[in-house]
């Protein structure tokens, strides 16, 4: 292959200008690195991908890419893609949707964004037409540019589009229309993903539509009702009026309209990084501010509504949120005693305990008279505080120490085993490493002894976490496991699949765990989930496959090539240099 990739130092001549690196992707192997390019172009400089390549690829902004077709002339101008033809030039302007970023899992939550496509004459002095659609992060149009206008998308990939003078809502992955409603104007609130709308037949003001496209309020307000984190909406009857707060039934609430923290000496906002997922933000009633004055603390909603009086010596967010019960609970102290309140200020556990510690999504550990037990988040004592130690497993089971012996108990109160172990270590996922005398073995959440020993389930301490995207289907049924720092795979029911003898294991294709790259004594091969060898252990390195690829990139004795999934040769191992599979 002709060397078209200049060394990084050769690109210094462009250091004072905006430049873009274009990867030339061959029709066979996938040659690409992050710092070497087939072509480096300046802003507004024309270029053409040669016909002998499969396509060209370029990152244009913040991990947003574009794929260029061979034989077509392009330019990149101020992060916009210009596509030339004999008659005109099309300008693709990709919006940066604030609801999405590189931190999202692109295999599960693909990044879509609104795109404006303008057709200009060749001199770019007259705009002939403008249309809108939606594209993925690689520049591929998933919804053709067929609309007069389009908003950014909510976290549910719902967007509003304008056609024939009216707006309606669509699902951006398929273009399917959400309902038959039409609006005169729609705008998105980028911080929350809610939409504002105007419909003159319903009122002469603004209303709210949620991130799923459902109407919340009528269009009767002077400004867009802004969603608050406690389930209310802040708005104005008329512009420049005093703000009011309404609920989803459009009832005006009687509350302080000043900022919630203005009348307090201290205000601790709820940590936004702790959100379980974007969708929970829109359906949970979460009080976001812990406030204090004169050494006493309480809860206040973002809208200013008082949730509790200033009656506690301290308030702490509880760091586990129940999955099935949206909301939060808070640990509180008063007179050196601990209790629990919910996000409505209701007392869940009386403030009588020596300490309240984290548990799981349904239970919390309580301490009384230097003994530990469990209570649920509705205030019921499920396991009386009789244990000297109580170590959580995270799967509704725990190891408890009583009278010098360990036993396995359920957080709901069930004694699973008698107190019979000399030591007990929680491995997580419902498994325990225990000892009886000199004997060491592993038991599951039912107390059943496994026919093999595992001593660790914490994958992150051994491997690069970026490789370990096994996918939901794998994680529902399987677990990577370790024994003496050697890795294997077990089923969640405790049966062995792949013995713990391998140096490394990681999924061949990110997000899908049916084929596994394994390393044994320095040689790499591929296994399936039954432990059978698919690719023999005769390679120095095997790269992870991109989601779309049909071949596997391998290396042996510094020579690179590609294999089919059955192990046969797709491209012989005769190429030099590093081959990094493309992520697209």
Protein backbone atom coordinates (compact mmCIF):
# COMPACT_ATOMS: atom_id res chain seq x y z
CA UNK A 1 0.00 0.00 0.00
CA UNK A 2 1.31 3.46 -0.88
CA UNK A 3 2.38 5.42 2.19
CA UNK A 4 0.06 8.44 2.41
CA UNK A 5 0.44 9.04 6.15
CA UNK A 6 2.87 11.84 7.01
CA UNK A 7 4.59 11.75 10.39
CA UNK A 8 3.07 14.11 13.00
CA UNK A 9 6.02 16.51 12.81
CA UNK A 10 5.37 17.03 9.10
CA UNK A 11 2.02 18.57 9.96
CA UNK A 12 3.49 21.49 11.94
CA UNK A 13 3.14 23.76 8.90
CA UNK A 14 -0.62 23.76 9.57
CA UNK A 15 -0.32 24.59 13.27
CA UNK A 16 -1.58 28.14 12.85
CA UNK A 17 -4.62 27.17 10.75
CA UNK A 18 -7.70 25.01 11.28
CA UNK A 19 -6.88 21.65 9.70
CA UNK A 20 -8.61 18.30 9.34
CA UNK A 21 -7.07 14.85 8.98
CA UNK A 22 -8.71 12.55 6.44
CA UNK A 23 -8.24 8.80 6.88
CA UNK A 24 -8.13 6.87 3.59
CA UNK A 25 -9.77 3.49 4.24
CA UNK A 26 -8.73 0.70 1.89
CA UNK A 27 -11.06 -1.86 0.38
CA UNK A 28 -9.33 -4.61 2.36
CA UNK A 29 -7.61 -3.86 5.63
CA UNK A 30 -8.75 -1.12 7.95
CA UNK A 31 -5.70 1.12 8.28
CA UNK A 32 -6.31 4.03 10.65
CA UNK A 33 -4.67 5.64 13.67
CA UNK A 34 -5.53 8.72 15.66
CA UNK A 35 -2.48 10.74 14.64
CA UNK A 36 -1.59 9.62 11.11
CA UNK A 37 -3.72 10.60 8.17
CA UNK A 38 -3.94 9.92 4.48
CA UNK A 39 -4.45 13.64 3.91
CA UNK A 40 -4.35 16.84 5.96
CA UNK A 41 -6.45 19.71 4.57
CA UNK A 42 -6.94 23.30 5.60
CA UNK A 43 -10.29 24.92 6.25
CA UNK A 44 -12.19 25.44 2.96
CA UNK A 45 -9.59 23.47 0.95
CA UNK A 46 -11.07 21.12 -1.67
CA UNK A 47 -10.12 17.44 -1.71
CA UNK A 48 -11.26 14.22 -3.39
CA UNK A 49 -11.10 10.69 -2.01
CA UNK A 50 -9.31 8.52 -4.63
CA UNK A 51 -11.45 5.84 -6.28
CA UNK A 52 -9.19 2.99 -5.10
CA UNK A 53 -10.26 3.51 -1.48
CA UNK A 54 -13.41 2.28 0.17
CA UNK A 55 -14.17 5.64 1.79
CA UNK A 56 -12.59 8.50 3.70
CA UNK A 57 -13.28 9.44 7.29
CA UNK A 58 -12.66 12.55 9.36
CA UNK A 59 -13.42 13.78 12.85
CA UNK A 60 -14.84 17.25 12.38
CA UNK A 61 -15.80 18.22 15.94
CA UNK A 62 -15.98 16.69 19.42
CA UNK A 63 -15.94 13.05 18.31
CA UNK A 64 -18.43 13.81 15.54
CA UNK A 65 -17.23 12.21 12.32
CA UNK A 66 -18.08 12.28 8.65
CA UNK A 67 -17.64 9.59 6.00
CA UNK A 68 -16.64 10.69 2.49
CA UNK A 69 -17.40 8.72 -0.68
CA UNK A 70 -14.63 8.05 -3.23
CA UNK A 71 -14.63 10.15 -6.38
CA UNK A 72 -16.59 13.04 -4.82
CA UNK A 73 -15.04 16.47 -4.23
CA UNK A 74 -15.45 17.93 -0.74
CA UNK A 75 -14.26 20.75 1.49
CA UNK A 76 -14.64 21.34 5.24
CA UNK A 77 -15.50 24.93 6.08
CA UNK A 78 -15.91 26.02 9.69
CA UNK A 79 -16.79 22.40 10.68
CA UNK A 80 -19.41 22.16 7.92
CA UNK A 81 -19.15 19.64 5.08
CA UNK A 82 -19.27 21.01 1.53
CA UNK A 83 -20.12 18.49 -1.19
CA UNK A 84 -19.53 19.65 -4.76
CA UNK A 85 -21.30 18.58 -7.96
CA UNK A 86 -21.29 20.03 -11.48
CA UNK A 87 -24.38 22.14 -10.82
CA UNK A 88 -24.20 23.16 -7.14
CA UNK A 89 -22.59 22.71 -3.74
CA UNK A 90 -24.41 21.21 -0.73
CA UNK A 91 -23.45 22.45 2.74
CA UNK A 92 -24.09 20.07 5.66
CA UNK A 93 -24.24 21.82 9.04
CA UNK A 94 -24.27 19.26 11.87
CA UNK A 95 -25.66 20.66 15.11
CA UNK A 96 -24.05 19.70 18.42
CA UNK A 97 -26.96 18.31 20.38
CA UNK A 98 -26.38 19.21 24.06
CA UNK A 99 -28.47 16.20 25.10
CA UNK A 100 -25.73 13.89 23.78
CA UNK A 101 -21.98 13.71 24.22
CA UNK A 102 -19.08 11.30 23.91
CA UNK A 103 -19.80 9.91 27.38
CA UNK A 104 -22.88 8.05 26.08
CA UNK A 105 -22.59 4.40 25.17
CA UNK A 106 -22.76 4.64 21.39
CA UNK A 107 -23.69 0.97 21.02
CA UNK A 108 -26.78 1.35 23.20
CA UNK A 109 -27.53 5.06 22.83
CA UNK A 110 -26.35 6.11 19.37
CA UNK A 111 -25.72 9.81 18.99
CA UNK A 112 -28.13 11.47 16.54
CA UNK A 113 -28.21 15.15 15.77
CA UNK A 114 -30.10 17.65 13.67
CA UNK A 115 -28.57 18.52 10.28
CA UNK A 116 -29.25 21.53 8.07
CA UNK A 117 -28.56 20.89 4.35
CA UNK A 118 -28.34 23.96 2.13
CA UNK A 119 -27.94 23.84 -1.66
CA UNK A 120 -26.00 26.80 -3.10
CA UNK A 121 -24.87 27.78 -6.56
CA UNK A 122 -21.24 26.95 -7.33
CA UNK A 123 -20.09 30.49 -6.50
CA UNK A 124 -21.83 30.17 -3.10
CA UNK A 125 -23.52 33.51 -3.58
CA UNK A 126 -27.12 32.31 -3.65
CA UNK A 127 -28.86 29.73 -1.46
CA UNK A 128 -31.17 27.71 -3.68
CA UNK A 129 -32.85 25.61 -0.94
CA UNK A 130 -32.63 24.55 2.71
CA UNK A 131 -33.86 21.35 4.33
CA UNK A 132 -33.42 19.52 7.64
CA UNK A 133 -33.00 15.95 8.80
CA UNK A 134 -31.12 13.86 11.38
CA UNK A 135 -27.74 12.12 11.16
CA UNK A 136 -25.66 9.75 13.28
CA UNK A 137 -22.23 10.60 14.69
CA UNK A 138 -20.52 9.34 11.52
CA UNK A 139 -22.29 11.78 9.22
CA UNK A 140 -24.77 9.26 7.83
CA UNK A 141 -28.28 10.67 7.38
CA UNK A 142 -30.70 8.46 9.32
CA UNK A 143 -33.67 10.70 8.47
CA UNK A 144 -33.31 12.35 5.02
CA UNK A 145 -33.18 16.13 4.86
CA UNK A 146 -36.83 16.52 3.90
CA UNK A 147 -38.16 18.96 6.51
CA UNK A 148 -38.31 22.74 6.53
CA UNK A 149 -36.89 22.88 10.07
CA UNK A 150 -35.94 20.51 12.92
CA UNK A 151 -35.11 20.87 16.62
CA UNK A 152 -32.38 19.08 18.51
CA UNK A 153 -33.39 15.77 20.05
CA UNK A 154 -34.45 14.91 23.59
CA UNK A 155 -32.66 12.09 25.40
CA UNK A 156 -35.32 9.75 23.98
CA UNK A 157 -34.35 10.66 20.38
CA UNK A 158 -37.61 12.57 19.99
CA UNK A 159 -37.46 15.68 17.83
CA UNK A 160 -39.89 18.22 16.40
CA UNK A 161 -39.90 18.90 12.63
CA UNK A 162 -41.62 21.55 10.55
CA UNK A 163 -43.41 20.65 7.32
CA UNK A 164 -45.97 22.62 5.28
CA UNK A 165 -45.94 25.40 7.89
CA UNK A 166 -46.75 23.14 10.87
CA UNK A 167 -44.65 21.30 13.47
CA UNK A 168 -45.06 17.71 14.63
CA UNK A 169 -42.98 15.19 16.61
CA UNK A 170 -41.08 12.20 15.23
CA UNK A 171 -38.88 9.38 16.50
CA UNK A 172 -35.50 10.17 14.92
CA UNK A 173 -34.32 6.56 14.55
CA UNK A 174 -37.19 5.63 12.22
CA UNK A 175 -38.88 8.87 11.21
CA UNK A 176 -42.15 7.57 12.69
CA UNK A 177 -44.58 10.31 13.64
CA UNK A 178 -45.45 10.39 17.35
CA UNK A 179 -49.08 11.52 17.07
CA UNK A 180 -51.42 13.57 14.90
CA UNK A 181 -51.01 16.84 16.81
CA UNK A 182 -49.63 19.87 14.99
CA UNK A 183 -48.19 23.10 16.37
CA UNK A 184 -47.44 26.58 15.08
CA UNK A 185 -44.03 26.75 16.80
CA UNK A 186 -41.81 24.37 18.80
CA UNK A 187 -38.49 24.95 20.61
CA UNK A 188 -36.40 22.67 22.82
CA UNK A 189 -35.02 23.54 26.25
CA UNK A 190 -31.45 22.20 25.86
CA UNK A 191 -30.78 21.78 29.59
CA UNK A 192 -33.72 19.45 30.21
CA UNK A 193 -34.92 18.04 26.88
CA UNK A 194 -38.44 19.43 27.35
CA UNK A 195 -40.10 21.30 24.48
CA UNK A 196 -41.97 24.61 24.40
CA UNK A 197 -44.79 25.02 21.90
CA UNK A 198 -47.31 27.51 20.56
CA UNK A 199 -50.68 26.49 19.07
CA UNK A 200 -52.92 29.47 18.33
CA UNK A 201 -56.13 27.42 18.32
CA UNK A 202 -55.44 26.43 21.95
CA UNK A 203 -54.17 29.71 23.38
CA UNK A 204 -51.97 32.71 22.74
CA UNK A 205 -49.06 31.70 25.00
CA UNK A 206 -46.49 28.94 25.43
CA UNK A 207 -46.95 25.40 26.73
CA UNK A 208 -44.76 22.40 27.57
CA UNK A 209 -44.22 18.99 25.93
CA UNK A 210 -42.11 16.37 27.71
CA UNK A 211 -39.07 14.55 26.20
CA UNK A 212 -41.32 11.73 24.96
CA UNK A 213 -43.52 14.10 22.97
CA UNK A 214 -46.43 14.15 25.47
CA UNK A 215 -48.26 17.43 26.09
CA UNK A 216 -47.89 18.66 29.70
CA UNK A 217 -49.51 22.11 29.80
CA UNK A 218 -51.72 24.18 27.56
CA UNK A 219 -50.17 27.14 25.66
CA UNK A 220 -51.40 29.90 27.98
CA UNK A 221 -48.17 31.24 29.53
CA UNK A 222 -46.06 34.24 28.66
CA UNK A 223 -42.83 32.22 28.50
CA UNK A 224 -41.96 28.56 28.23
CA UNK A 225 -42.73 26.87 31.59
CA UNK A 226 -39.27 25.71 32.72
CA UNK A 227 -39.18 22.21 34.30
CA UNK A 228 -37.89 22.14 37.89
CA UNK A 229 -36.36 19.08 39.51
CA UNK A 230 -39.19 18.66 42.00
CA UNK A 231 -41.84 18.07 39.33
CA UNK A 232 -43.08 21.67 39.12
CA UNK A 233 -42.74 24.26 36.33
CA UNK A 234 -41.61 27.85 36.66
CA UNK A 235 -43.22 30.32 34.28
CA UNK A 236 -44.74 33.79 33.89
CA UNK A 237 -48.30 34.72 33.07
CA UNK A 238 -46.88 37.61 31.05
CA UNK A 239 -43.34 38.55 30.19
CA UNK A 240 -41.53 40.53 32.91
CA UNK A 241 -44.21 39.48 35.40
CA UNK A 242 -43.53 37.89 38.77
CA UNK A 243 -42.78 34.16 38.28
CA UNK A 244 -45.30 31.52 39.28
CA UNK A 245 -44.99 27.75 39.81
CA UNK A 246 -47.42 25.24 38.39
CA UNK A 247 -47.75 21.46 38.63
CA UNK A 248 -48.55 19.05 35.80
CA UNK A 249 -52.27 19.70 36.32
CA UNK A 250 -51.56 23.43 35.72
CA UNK A 251 -52.56 24.34 39.26
CA UNK A 252 -50.67 27.40 40.49
CA UNK A 253 -48.71 26.52 43.63
CA UNK A 254 -48.39 28.86 46.60
CA UNK A 255 -44.65 29.04 47.25
CA UNK A 256 -41.73 31.37 47.65
CA UNK A 257 -40.65 32.57 44.22
CA UNK A 258 -37.19 33.65 45.31
CA UNK A 259 -34.26 31.33 44.63
CA UNK A 260 -34.36 28.48 47.09
CA UNK A 261 -30.94 29.18 48.59
CA UNK A 262 -31.36 32.95 48.98
CA UNK A 263 -32.78 32.89 52.53
CA UNK A 264 -30.33 30.30 53.94
CA UNK A 265 -26.76 30.43 55.14
CA UNK A 266 -25.91 27.11 53.46
CA UNK A 267 -27.27 25.33 50.40
CA UNK A 268 -26.00 21.98 49.15
CA UNK A 269 -27.30 21.08 45.71
CA UNK A 270 -28.01 17.53 44.71
CA UNK A 271 -25.04 16.10 42.82
CA UNK A 272 -26.11 15.95 39.13
CA UNK A 273 -23.41 13.37 38.33
CA UNK A 274 -25.30 10.84 40.42
CA UNK A 275 -28.27 10.58 38.03
CA UNK A 276 -28.99 6.97 37.22
CA UNK A 277 -30.08 7.81 33.69
CA UNK A 278 -31.48 10.69 31.72
CA UNK A 279 -35.01 9.33 31.70
CA UNK A 280 -35.17 9.32 35.52
CA UNK A 281 -34.54 13.05 35.47
CA UNK A 282 -37.95 13.54 33.88
CA UNK A 283 -40.09 11.24 36.02
CA UNK A 284 -38.60 11.60 39.52
CA UNK A 285 -39.66 14.16 42.11
CA UNK A 286 -36.22 14.84 43.57
CA UNK A 287 -35.60 17.60 46.12
CA UNK A 288 -32.25 18.95 45.09
CA UNK A 289 -31.19 21.27 47.88
CA UNK A 290 -30.16 20.64 51.48
CA UNK A 291 -30.31 24.02 53.25
CA UNK A 292 -29.09 25.22 56.63
CA UNK A 293 -29.34 28.17 58.99
CA UNK A 294 -28.02 28.57 62.54
CA UNK A 295 -26.58 25.05 62.53
CA UNK A 296 -29.87 23.33 61.62
CA UNK A 297 -30.75 21.71 58.29
CA UNK A 298 -33.76 20.84 56.18
CA UNK A 299 -34.87 20.15 52.62
CA UNK A 300 -36.10 22.72 50.09
CA UNK A 301 -37.16 22.11 46.47
CA UNK A 302 -35.50 24.01 43.62
CA UNK A 303 -38.73 25.96 43.20
CA UNK A 304 -38.45 27.26 46.77
CA UNK A 305 -41.09 24.95 48.28
CA UNK A 306 -40.18 23.95 51.85
CA UNK A 307 -40.07 20.19 52.31
CA UNK A 308 -38.96 19.96 55.96
CA UNK A 309 -38.37 22.40 58.77
CA UNK A 310 -34.81 23.26 59.79
CA UNK A 311 -34.78 20.63 62.53
CA UNK A 312 -31.84 18.29 61.88
CA UNK A 313 -28.21 18.54 62.97
CA UNK A 314 -27.19 17.20 59.57
CA UNK A 315 -28.65 15.67 56.42
CA UNK A 316 -26.86 13.31 54.03
CA UNK A 317 -27.97 12.08 50.64
CA UNK A 318 -28.44 8.33 50.61
CA UNK A 319 -26.28 7.09 47.76
CA UNK A 320 -28.49 4.19 46.63
CA UNK A 321 -31.72 5.02 44.78
CA UNK A 322 -34.37 2.28 44.43
CA UNK A 323 -34.75 1.29 40.79
CA UNK A 324 -38.48 0.61 41.00
CA UNK A 325 -39.34 3.54 43.28
CA UNK A 326 -38.19 6.85 41.83
CA UNK A 327 -37.11 9.38 44.40
CA UNK A 328 -34.57 9.72 47.16
CA UNK A 329 -34.18 9.12 50.86
CA UNK A 330 -31.92 11.06 53.20
CA UNK A 331 -30.04 10.05 56.31
CA UNK A 332 -30.55 12.60 59.09
CA UNK A 333 -29.03 13.15 62.54
CA UNK A 334 -30.48 14.78 65.61
CA UNK A 335 -28.96 14.69 69.13
CA UNK A 336 -26.31 12.16 67.97
CA UNK A 337 -28.99 9.75 66.74
CA UNK A 338 -29.65 8.72 63.15
CA UNK A 339 -32.84 8.33 61.18
CA UNK A 340 -34.17 8.28 57.62
CA UNK A 341 -36.58 10.60 55.78
CA UNK A 342 -37.91 10.42 52.24
CA UNK A 343 -37.93 13.15 49.59
CA UNK A 344 -41.32 14.39 50.83
CA UNK A 345 -39.91 14.95 54.33
CA UNK A 346 -41.75 11.96 55.81
CA UNK A 347 -39.95 10.06 58.57
CA UNK A 348 -39.07 6.59 57.30
CA UNK A 349 -36.95 5.42 60.25
CA UNK A 350 -37.19 7.11 63.62
CA UNK A 351 -34.14 9.12 64.67
CA UNK A 352 -33.08 6.62 67.36
CA UNK A 353 -30.17 4.65 65.84
CA UNK A 354 -26.47 4.86 66.60
CA UNK A 355 -25.72 4.91 62.86
CA UNK A 356 -27.37 4.27 59.50
CA UNK A 357 -25.09 2.96 56.73
CA UNK A 358 -25.54 2.27 53.04
CA UNK A 359 -27.07 -1.02 51.94
CA UNK A 360 -28.67 -1.79 48.58
CA UNK A 361 -31.53 -0.38 46.53
CA UNK A 362 -34.16 -1.75 48.92
CA UNK A 363 -32.47 -2.03 52.33
CA UNK A 364 -30.24 -0.04 54.62
CA UNK A 365 -27.93 -1.15 57.44
CA UNK A 366 -28.78 0.05 60.92
CA UNK A 367 -26.63 0.05 64.07
CA UNK A 368 -27.99 -0.07 67.58
CA UNK A 369 -26.05 -0.88 70.75
CA UNK A 370 -22.99 -1.68 68.57
CA UNK A 371 -24.87 -4.42 66.69
CA UNK A 372 -25.90 -4.37 63.03
CA UNK A 373 -29.08 -5.31 61.18
CA UNK A 374 -31.22 -4.39 58.17
CA UNK A 375 -34.28 -2.21 57.56
CA UNK A 376 -36.11 -1.60 54.30
CA UNK A 377 -36.67 1.87 52.87
CA UNK A 378 -40.26 1.86 54.09
CA UNK A 379 -39.07 1.69 57.71
CA UNK A 380 -39.64 -2.03 58.49
CA UNK A 381 -36.85 -3.80 60.46
CA UNK A 382 -36.16 -6.89 58.32
CA UNK A 383 -33.13 -8.25 60.22
CA UNK A 384 -32.78 -7.30 63.89
CA UNK A 385 -29.46 -5.64 64.84
CA UNK A 386 -27.66 -8.66 66.39
CA UNK A 387 -24.52 -8.96 64.19
CA UNK A 388 -21.01 -7.84 65.07
CA UNK A 389 -20.27 -7.26 61.36
CA UNK A 390 -22.56 -7.21 58.36
CA UNK A 391 -20.90 -7.11 54.92
CA UNK A 392 -23.05 -6.36 51.87
CA UNK A 393 -22.94 -8.43 48.69
CA UNK A 394 -25.16 -6.19 46.58
CA UNK A 395 -27.59 -8.91 45.45
CA UNK A 396 -29.97 -8.99 48.38
CA UNK A 397 -27.60 -11.12 50.48
CA UNK A 398 -24.88 -10.37 53.03
CA UNK A 399 -22.34 -12.08 55.28
CA UNK A 400 -22.96 -11.58 58.98
CA UNK A 401 -20.62 -12.27 61.92
CA UNK A 402 -22.30 -13.50 65.09
CA UNK A 403 -20.59 -15.16 68.07
CA UNK A 404 -17.34 -15.55 66.12
CA UNK A 405 -18.86 -17.36 63.12
CA UNK A 406 -20.07 -16.08 59.74
CA UNK A 407 -23.37 -16.89 58.11
CA UNK A 408 -25.12 -15.82 54.93
CA UNK A 409 -28.34 -13.87 55.38
CA UNK A 410 -30.84 -12.15 53.13
CA UNK A 411 -31.41 -8.42 53.48
CA UNK A 412 -35.13 -9.20 53.80
CA UNK A 413 -34.39 -11.23 56.96
CA UNK A 414 -33.89 -14.83 55.82
CA UNK A 415 -31.07 -16.86 57.46
CA UNK A 416 -29.67 -18.69 54.43
CA UNK A 417 -26.95 -20.69 56.23
CA UNK A 418 -26.22 -21.30 59.91
CA UNK A 419 -23.24 -19.46 61.48
CA UNK A 420 -20.64 -22.01 60.32
CA UNK A 421 -17.79 -20.24 58.51
CA UNK A 422 -14.53 -19.09 60.07
CA UNK A 423 -14.19 -16.27 57.53
CA UNK A 424 -16.57 -14.76 55.01
CA UNK A 425 -15.69 -12.50 52.08
CA UNK A 426 -18.28 -10.99 49.73
CA UNK A 427 -17.23 -11.32 46.10
CA UNK A 428 -20.30 -9.50 44.80
CA UNK A 429 -23.04 -10.72 42.43
CA UNK A 430 -24.31 -13.12 45.12
CA UNK A 431 -21.08 -15.12 45.66
CA UNK A 432 -18.94 -15.53 48.78
CA UNK A 433 -15.44 -16.84 49.46
CA UNK A 434 -15.49 -18.66 52.81
CA UNK A 435 -13.19 -20.83 54.91
CA UNK A 436 -13.80 -23.66 57.32
CA UNK A 437 -10.57 -24.59 59.04
CA UNK A 438 -7.91 -24.93 56.35
CA UNK A 439 -10.44 -25.42 53.56
CA UNK A 440 -11.33 -22.52 51.25
CA UNK A 441 -14.28 -22.61 48.85
CA UNK A 442 -16.91 -20.47 47.12
CA UNK A 443 -20.66 -20.50 47.83
CA UNK A 444 -23.55 -18.81 46.04
CA UNK A 445 -26.44 -16.78 47.44
CA UNK A 446 -28.28 -19.97 48.40
CA UNK A 447 -25.32 -21.21 50.40
CA UNK A 448 -24.56 -23.90 47.80
CA UNK A 449 -20.89 -24.84 47.50
CA UNK A 450 -19.50 -24.44 43.97
CA UNK A 451 -17.46 -27.30 42.44
CA UNK A 452 -14.62 -24.85 41.75
CA UNK A 453 -13.08 -21.88 43.57
CA UNK A 454 -13.18 -18.26 42.47
CA UNK A 455 -11.62 -15.55 44.56
CA UNK A 456 -12.47 -12.34 42.70
CA UNK A 457 -15.21 -10.90 40.48
CA UNK A 458 -13.86 -7.35 40.22
CA UNK A 459 -12.93 -7.15 36.56
CA UNK A 460 -11.79 -3.54 36.64
CA UNK A 461 -8.74 -4.19 38.84
CA UNK A 462 -7.23 -6.58 36.30
CA UNK A 463 -8.03 -5.25 32.85
CA UNK A 464 -8.49 -2.16 30.75
CA UNK A 465 -12.11 -1.21 31.40
CA UNK A 466 -12.43 0.19 27.86
CA UNK A 467 -12.23 -3.38 26.51
CA UNK A 468 -14.81 -4.82 28.87
CA UNK A 469 -18.12 -4.00 27.20
CA UNK A 470 -19.65 -7.49 27.32
CA UNK A 471 -23.19 -6.41 26.44
CA UNK A 472 -26.48 -6.79 28.28
CA UNK A 473 -27.26 -10.30 27.07
CA UNK A 474 -23.91 -11.61 28.37
CA UNK A 475 -24.19 -9.75 31.67
CA UNK A 476 -27.64 -11.17 32.35
CA UNK A 477 -26.32 -14.74 32.32
CA UNK A 478 -22.53 -14.71 32.74
CA UNK A 479 -19.75 -13.28 34.89
CA UNK A 480 -15.99 -12.92 34.33
CA UNK A 481 -14.30 -14.61 37.31
CA UNK A 482 -10.77 -14.98 38.70
CA UNK A 483 -8.78 -17.59 40.56
CA UNK A 484 -5.22 -16.73 41.57
CA UNK A 485 -5.24 -13.85 39.04
CA UNK A 486 -6.25 -16.15 36.17
CA UNK A 487 -9.46 -15.38 34.38
CA UNK A 488 -12.46 -17.48 33.38
CA UNK A 489 -16.22 -17.16 32.93
CA UNK A 490 -19.02 -18.59 35.06
CA UNK A 491 -22.77 -18.55 34.73
CA UNK A 492 -24.70 -16.56 37.28
CA UNK A 493 -26.21 -19.82 38.50
CA UNK A 494 -22.69 -20.85 39.61
CA UNK A 495 -21.78 -23.33 36.86
CA UNK A 496 -18.44 -23.02 35.10
CA UNK A 497 -18.27 -22.10 31.42
CA UNK A 498 -14.61 -21.28 30.81
CA UNK A 499 -12.14 -22.36 33.54
CA UNK A 500 -10.02 -19.73 35.30
CA UNK A 501 -6.77 -20.50 33.45
CA UNK A 502 -6.41 -17.61 31.01
CA UNK A 503 -4.21 -14.54 31.30
CA UNK A 504 -6.86 -12.27 29.75
CA UNK A 505 -10.37 -12.53 28.36
CA UNK A 506 -12.31 -9.80 26.58
CA UNK A 507 -15.16 -9.71 24.05
CA UNK A 508 -14.11 -9.93 20.41
CA UNK A 509 -16.89 -7.51 19.46
CA UNK A 510 -17.68 -4.75 22.02
CA UNK A 511 -21.19 -5.06 23.40
CA UNK A 512 -21.50 -8.72 22.37
CA UNK A 513 -19.98 -11.52 24.43
CA UNK A 514 -20.63 -14.59 22.28
CA UNK A 515 -17.01 -14.69 21.00
CA UNK A 516 -14.12 -14.03 23.37
CA UNK A 517 -10.46 -13.15 22.77
CA UNK A 518 -8.33 -15.18 25.18
CA UNK A 519 -4.61 -15.11 25.98
CA UNK A 520 -2.87 -18.19 27.34
CA UNK A 521 0.88 -18.26 28.02
CA UNK A 522 1.36 -15.24 25.77
CA UNK A 523 -0.56 -16.57 22.74
CA UNK A 524 -3.99 -15.29 21.71
CA UNK A 525 -6.98 -17.13 20.28
CA UNK A 526 -10.79 -16.89 20.22
CA UNK A 527 -13.25 -18.96 22.29
CA UNK A 528 -17.02 -19.23 22.20
CA UNK A 529 -19.23 -19.23 25.28
CA UNK A 530 -19.07 -23.02 25.55
CA UNK A 531 -15.29 -22.81 25.93
CA UNK A 532 -14.62 -24.28 22.47
CA UNK A 533 -11.69 -22.86 20.49
CA UNK A 534 -12.84 -20.90 17.40
CA UNK A 535 -9.50 -19.33 16.45
CA UNK A 536 -6.44 -21.36 17.57
CA UNK A 537 -3.95 -19.93 20.08
CA UNK A 538 -1.22 -19.10 17.59
CA UNK A 539 -1.30 -15.30 17.34
CA UNK A 540 0.62 -12.61 19.20
CA UNK A 541 -2.31 -10.20 19.18
CA UNK A 542 -5.99 -10.13 18.18
CA UNK A 543 -7.81 -6.80 17.94
CA UNK A 544 -11.38 -6.16 18.96
CA UNK A 545 -13.75 -5.96 15.98
CA UNK A 546 -15.85 -2.86 15.20
CA UNK A 547 -19.61 -3.61 15.28
CA UNK A 548 -19.94 -3.73 11.47
CA UNK A 549 -16.76 -5.68 10.60
CA UNK A 550 -16.85 -9.22 9.23
CA UNK A 551 -13.15 -10.01 9.62
CA UNK A 552 -10.73 -10.20 12.56
CA UNK A 553 -7.43 -8.29 12.57
CA UNK A 554 -4.54 -10.46 13.91
CA UNK A 555 -0.77 -10.18 14.29
CA UNK A 556 1.99 -12.78 14.39
CA UNK A 557 5.72 -12.04 14.41
CA UNK A 558 5.04 -8.36 13.61
CA UNK A 559 3.02 -9.22 10.50
CA UNK A 560 -0.62 -8.25 10.26
CA UNK A 561 -3.57 -9.70 8.40
CA UNK A 562 -7.26 -10.56 8.72
CA UNK A 563 -9.20 -13.76 9.38
CA UNK A 564 -12.76 -14.78 8.71
CA UNK A 565 -14.83 -15.72 11.75
CA UNK A 566 -14.23 -19.42 11.06
CA UNK A 567 -10.45 -18.87 11.26
CA UNK A 568 -9.72 -19.00 7.53
CA UNK A 569 -7.46 -16.36 5.97
CA UNK A 570 -9.17 -13.26 4.60
CA UNK A 571 -5.94 -11.28 4.05
CA UNK A 572 -2.55 -13.00 4.58
CA UNK A 573 -0.29 -11.97 7.45
CA UNK A 574 2.14 -9.99 5.32
CA UNK A 575 1.53 -6.34 6.25
CA UNK A 576 3.85 -4.24 8.41
CA UNK A 577 2.96 -1.67 11.03
CA UNK A 578 0.16 -1.24 13.50
CA UNK A 579 -3.35 -1.98 12.31
CA UNK A 580 -6.00 -0.36 14.49
CA UNK A 581 -9.57 -1.31 13.53
CA UNK A 582 -11.81 1.66 12.90
CA UNK A 583 -14.54 2.33 15.44
CA UNK A 584 -17.09 2.87 12.69
